[in-house]
Amino acid sequence: MHDTQLVYPMFVLVLLSAFVLVLLFRRRVKAVRDGRVSARYFALFRNELEPEETVKAARHFSNLFEAPTLYYAACITAMVTHNASPGVITLAWMYVAARILHAIIHLGANRLRYRIRIYFFSWVVLLALWIDVVVNTALHGSA
């Protein structure tokens, strides 16, 4: 069965989320140590401006709990309905690769032209993943 193979790309996306969380924490600690923001700011996130590199990491971390929730739902749906076809598995890995590339761009130079393109591509892959899961379920039912 291919169904359990979806655990691996999902786990890699979880690892990406954990990596971004650690990066966010380290960037915030450094910002406080460098005196660019006070530790008190993080109690309510007001009355100061957070440095750009911590804002990028915080925004990216939050973003990993937005569209990717639909990704996890598609993978779990494919697993539960036993419709994790090779196409679904390929699309699952493509989505994870796109999200990793998006993280590299966003957390690095943050070139908007490239970031928007890879983000859009990840949505195309996500929609294709859902379509594949729905079509497979409609054609084959669930085992």
C-alpha atoms as a PDB file:
ATOM      1  CA  MET A   1       0.000   0.000   0.000  1.00  0.00           C
ATOM      2  CA  HIS A   2       1.169   3.505  -0.814  1.00  0.00           C
ATOM      3  CA  ASP A   3      -0.964   5.081   1.918  1.00  0.00           C
ATOM      4  CA  THR A   4       1.680   5.123   4.629  1.00  0.00           C
ATOM      5  CA  GLN A   5       4.216   6.748   2.289  1.00  0.00           C
ATOM      6  CA  LEU A   6       2.441  10.076   2.848  1.00  0.00           C
ATOM      7  CA  VAL A   7       3.733  10.122   6.411  1.00  0.00           C
ATOM      8  CA  TYR A   8       7.201  11.020   5.143  1.00  0.00           C
ATOM      9  CA  PRO A   9       6.463  14.236   3.247  1.00  0.00           C
ATOM     10  CA  MET A  10       4.145  15.316   6.072  1.00  0.00           C
ATOM     11  CA  PHE A  11       6.964  14.727   8.560  1.00  0.00           C
ATOM     12  CA  VAL A  12       9.382  16.782   6.461  1.00  0.00           C
ATOM     13  CA  LEU A  13       6.899  19.681   6.535  1.00  0.00           C
ATOM     14  CA  VAL A  14       6.664  19.310  10.321  1.00  0.00           C
ATOM     15  CA  LEU A  15      10.470  19.429  10.477  1.00  0.00           C
ATOM     16  CA  LEU A  16      10.430  22.610   8.364  1.00  0.00           C
ATOM     17  CA  SER A  17       7.965  24.159  10.828  1.00  0.00           C
ATOM     18  CA  ALA A  18      10.194  23.164  13.753  1.00  0.00           C
ATOM     19  CA  PHE A  19      13.244  24.599  11.989  1.00  0.00           C
ATOM     20  CA  VAL A  20      11.489  27.922  11.399  1.00  0.00           C
ATOM     21  CA  LEU A  21      10.384  28.013  15.054  1.00  0.00           C
ATOM     22  CA  VAL A  22      13.974  27.532  16.229  1.00  0.00           C
ATOM     23  CA  LEU A  23      15.170  30.162  13.749  1.00  0.00           C
ATOM     24  CA  LEU A  24      12.497  32.583  15.010  1.00  0.00           C
ATOM     25  CA  PHE A  25      13.498  32.006  18.625  1.00  0.00           C
ATOM     26  CA  ARG A  26      17.198  32.478  17.872  1.00  0.00           C
ATOM     27  CA  ARG A  27      16.562  35.663  15.870  1.00  0.00           C
ATOM     28  CA  ARG A  28      14.426  37.119  18.675  1.00  0.00           C
ATOM     29  CA  VAL A  29      16.997  36.294  21.344  1.00  0.00           C
ATOM     30  CA  LYS A  30      19.716  37.909  19.220  1.00  0.00           C
ATOM     31  CA  ALA A  31      17.575  41.015  18.665  1.00  0.00           C
ATOM     32  CA  VAL A  32      17.084  41.378  22.427  1.00  0.00           C
ATOM     33  CA  ARG A  33      20.790  40.792  23.126  1.00  0.00           C
ATOM     34  CA  ASP A  34      21.761  43.354  20.482  1.00  0.00           C
ATOM     35  CA  GLY A  35      19.381  45.896  22.056  1.00  0.00           C
ATOM     36  CA  ARG A  36      17.218  46.243  18.932  1.00  0.00           C
ATOM     37  CA  VAL A  37      14.082  45.314  20.864  1.00  0.00           C
ATOM     38  CA  SER A  38      13.367  44.778  24.544  1.00  0.00           C
ATOM     39  CA  ALA A  39      12.328  41.430  25.979  1.00  0.00           C
ATOM     40  CA  ARG A  40       9.275  43.226  27.391  1.00  0.00           C
ATOM     41  CA  TYR A  41       8.045  43.842  23.821  1.00  0.00           C
ATOM     42  CA  PHE A  42       7.302  40.143  23.402  1.00  0.00           C
ATOM     43  CA  ALA A  43       4.822  40.114  26.285  1.00  0.00           C
ATOM     44  CA  LEU A  44       2.143  41.930  24.222  1.00  0.00           C
ATOM     45  CA  PHE A  45       3.907  42.719  20.923  1.00  0.00           C
ATOM     46  CA  ARG A  46       3.315  46.462  21.136  1.00  0.00           C
ATOM     47  CA  ASN A  47       4.985  49.801  21.873  1.00  0.00           C
ATOM     48  CA  GLU A  48       8.108  48.904  19.866  1.00  0.00           C
ATOM     49  CA  LEU A  49       9.001  47.823  16.365  1.00  0.00           C
ATOM     50  CA  GLU A  50      10.235  44.277  15.941  1.00  0.00           C
ATOM     51  CA  PRO A  51      13.335  43.940  13.722  1.00  0.00           C
ATOM     52  CA  GLU A  52      12.747  42.882  10.115  1.00  0.00           C
ATOM     53  CA  GLU A  53      14.478  39.511  10.404  1.00  0.00           C
ATOM     54  CA  THR A  54      12.301  38.484  13.355  1.00  0.00           C
ATOM     55  CA  VAL A  55       9.141  39.742  11.659  1.00  0.00           C
ATOM     56  CA  LYS A  56       9.955  37.647   8.567  1.00  0.00           C
ATOM     57  CA  ALA A  57      10.533  34.530  10.670  1.00  0.00           C
ATOM     58  CA  ALA A  58       7.369  35.115  12.724  1.00  0.00           C
ATOM     59  CA  ARG A  59       5.279  35.669   9.616  1.00  0.00           C
ATOM     60  CA  HIS A  60       6.735  32.597   7.957  1.00  0.00           C
ATOM     61  CA  PHE A  61       6.094  30.461  11.024  1.00  0.00           C
ATOM     62  CA  SER A  62       2.450  31.609  11.095  1.00  0.00           C
ATOM     63  CA  ASN A  63       2.160  30.938   7.371  1.00  0.00           C
ATOM     64  CA  LEU A  64       3.158  27.310   7.968  1.00  0.00           C
ATOM     65  CA  PHE A  65      -0.131  26.896   9.854  1.00  0.00           C
ATOM     66  CA  GLU A  66      -2.308  28.404   7.135  1.00  0.00           C
ATOM     67  CA  ALA A  67      -2.312  26.697   3.690  1.00  0.00           C
ATOM     68  CA  PRO A  68      -0.345  23.676   4.930  1.00  0.00           C
ATOM     69  CA  THR A  69      -3.326  22.663   7.067  1.00  0.00           C
ATOM     70  CA  LEU A  70      -5.113  21.928   3.785  1.00  0.00           C
ATOM     71  CA  TYR A  71      -2.073  19.893   2.737  1.00  0.00           C
ATOM     72  CA  TYR A  72      -2.172  17.785   5.886  1.00  0.00           C
ATOM     73  CA  ALA A  73      -5.917  17.300   5.445  1.00  0.00           C
ATOM     74  CA  ALA A  74      -5.442  16.111   1.844  1.00  0.00           C
ATOM     75  CA  CYS A  75      -2.720  13.655   2.847  1.00  0.00           C
ATOM     76  CA  ILE A  76      -4.717  12.281   5.753  1.00  0.00           C
ATOM     77  CA  THR A  77      -7.808  12.015   3.543  1.00  0.00           C
ATOM     78  CA  ALA A  78      -5.802  10.051   0.978  1.00  0.00           C
ATOM     79  CA  MET A  79      -4.524   7.764   3.719  1.00  0.00           C
ATOM     80  CA  VAL A  80      -7.943   7.188   5.313  1.00  0.00           C
ATOM     81  CA  THR A  81      -9.639   6.499   1.992  1.00  0.00           C
ATOM     82  CA  HIS A  82      -6.700   4.348   0.824  1.00  0.00           C
ATOM     83  CA  ASN A  83      -6.295   6.527  -2.249  1.00  0.00           C
ATOM     84  CA  ALA A  84      -2.648   7.524  -1.930  1.00  0.00           C
ATOM     85  CA  SER A  85      -1.795   6.887  -5.563  1.00  0.00           C
ATOM     86  CA  PRO A  86       1.721   7.467  -6.915  1.00  0.00           C
ATOM     87  CA  GLY A  87       0.402  10.778  -8.285  1.00  0.00           C
ATOM     88  CA  VAL A  88      -0.793  11.850  -4.843  1.00  0.00           C
ATOM     89  CA  ILE A  89       2.555  10.928  -3.317  1.00  0.00           C
ATOM     90  CA  THR A  90       4.421  12.840  -6.019  1.00  0.00           C
ATOM     91  CA  LEU A  91       2.236  15.917  -5.504  1.00  0.00           C
ATOM     92  CA  ALA A  92       2.712  15.654  -1.732  1.00  0.00           C
ATOM     93  CA  TRP A  93       6.487  15.743  -2.158  1.00  0.00           C
ATOM     94  CA  MET A  94       6.238  18.565  -4.714  1.00  0.00           C
ATOM     95  CA  TYR A  95       4.262  20.646  -2.203  1.00  0.00           C
ATOM     96  CA  VAL A  96       6.860  20.077   0.502  1.00  0.00           C
ATOM     97  CA  ALA A  97       9.679  20.987  -1.901  1.00  0.00           C
ATOM     98  CA  ALA A  98       7.836  24.178  -2.876  1.00  0.00           C
ATOM     99  CA  ARG A  99       7.332  25.110   0.783  1.00  0.00           C
ATOM    100  CA  ILE A 100      11.012  24.528   1.544  1.00  0.00           C
ATOM    101  CA  LEU A 101      11.998  26.720  -1.395  1.00  0.00           C
ATOM    102  CA  HIS A 102       9.475  29.341  -0.259  1.00  0.00           C
ATOM    103  CA  ALA A 103      11.067  29.308   3.216  1.00  0.00           C
ATOM    104  CA  ILE A 104      14.566  29.713   1.781  1.00  0.00           C
ATOM    105  CA  ILE A 105      13.446  32.694  -0.292  1.00  0.00           C
ATOM    106  CA  HIS A 106      11.315  34.342   2.406  1.00  0.00           C
ATOM    107  CA  LEU A 107      13.765  33.887   5.269  1.00  0.00           C
ATOM    108  CA  GLY A 108      16.740  34.818   3.114  1.00  0.00           C
ATOM    109  CA  ALA A 109      16.916  37.648   0.615  1.00  0.00           C
ATOM    110  CA  ASN A 110      13.095  37.799   0.477  1.00  0.00           C
ATOM    111  CA  ARG A 111      12.965  38.596  -3.228  1.00  0.00           C
ATOM    112  CA  LEU A 112       9.236  39.181  -3.656  1.00  0.00           C
ATOM    113  CA  ARG A 113       9.222  38.297  -7.364  1.00  0.00           C
ATOM    114  CA  TYR A 114      10.493  34.780  -6.634  1.00  0.00           C
ATOM    115  CA  ARG A 115       8.598  34.371  -3.377  1.00  0.00           C
ATOM    116  CA  ILE A 116       5.225  35.106  -5.004  1.00  0.00           C
ATOM    117  CA  ARG A 117       5.908  32.692  -7.856  1.00  0.00           C
ATOM    118  CA  ILE A 118       6.867  29.770  -5.621  1.00  0.00           C
ATOM    119  CA  TYR A 119       3.959  30.507  -3.270  1.00  0.00           C
ATOM    120  CA  PHE A 120       1.548  30.488  -6.220  1.00  0.00           C
ATOM    121  CA  PHE A 121       3.133  27.269  -7.485  1.00  0.00           C
ATOM    122  CA  SER A 122       2.644  25.660  -4.074  1.00  0.00           C
ATOM    123  CA  TRP A 123      -1.062  26.541  -4.264  1.00  0.00           C
ATOM    124  CA  VAL A 124      -1.343  25.014  -7.745  1.00  0.00           C
ATOM    125  CA  VAL A 125       0.263  21.827  -6.420  1.00  0.00           C
ATOM    126  CA  LEU A 126      -2.006  21.851  -3.363  1.00  0.00           C
ATOM    127  CA  LEU A 127      -5.110  22.171  -5.530  1.00  0.00           C
ATOM    128  CA  ALA A 128      -3.849  19.410  -7.836  1.00  0.00           C
ATOM    129  CA  LEU A 129      -3.254  17.223  -4.791  1.00  0.00           C
ATOM    130  CA  TRP A 130      -6.820  17.739  -3.582  1.00  0.00           C
ATOM    131  CA  ILE A 131      -8.237  17.121  -7.070  1.00  0.00           C
ATOM    132  CA  ASP A 132      -6.236  13.908  -7.343  1.00  0.00           C
ATOM    133  CA  VAL A 133      -7.470  12.701  -3.941  1.00  0.00           C
ATOM    134  CA  VAL A 134     -11.099  13.553  -4.745  1.00  0.00           C
ATOM    135  CA  VAL A 135     -10.989  11.965  -8.200  1.00  0.00           C
ATOM    136  CA  ASN A 136      -9.340   8.806  -6.851  1.00  0.00           C
ATOM    137  CA  THR A 137     -11.953   8.595  -4.111  1.00  0.00           C
ATOM    138  CA  ALA A 138     -14.804   9.137  -6.550  1.00  0.00           C
ATOM    139  CA  LEU A 139     -13.477   6.533  -8.979  1.00  0.00           C
ATOM    140  CA  HIS A 140     -12.259   3.927  -6.548  1.00  0.00           C
ATOM    141  CA  GLY A 141     -14.104   4.659  -3.308  1.00  0.00           C
ATOM    142  CA  SER A 142     -12.318   3.797  -0.120  1.00  0.00           C
ATOM    143  CA  ALA A 143     -11.033   0.355   0.684  1.00  0.00           C
END
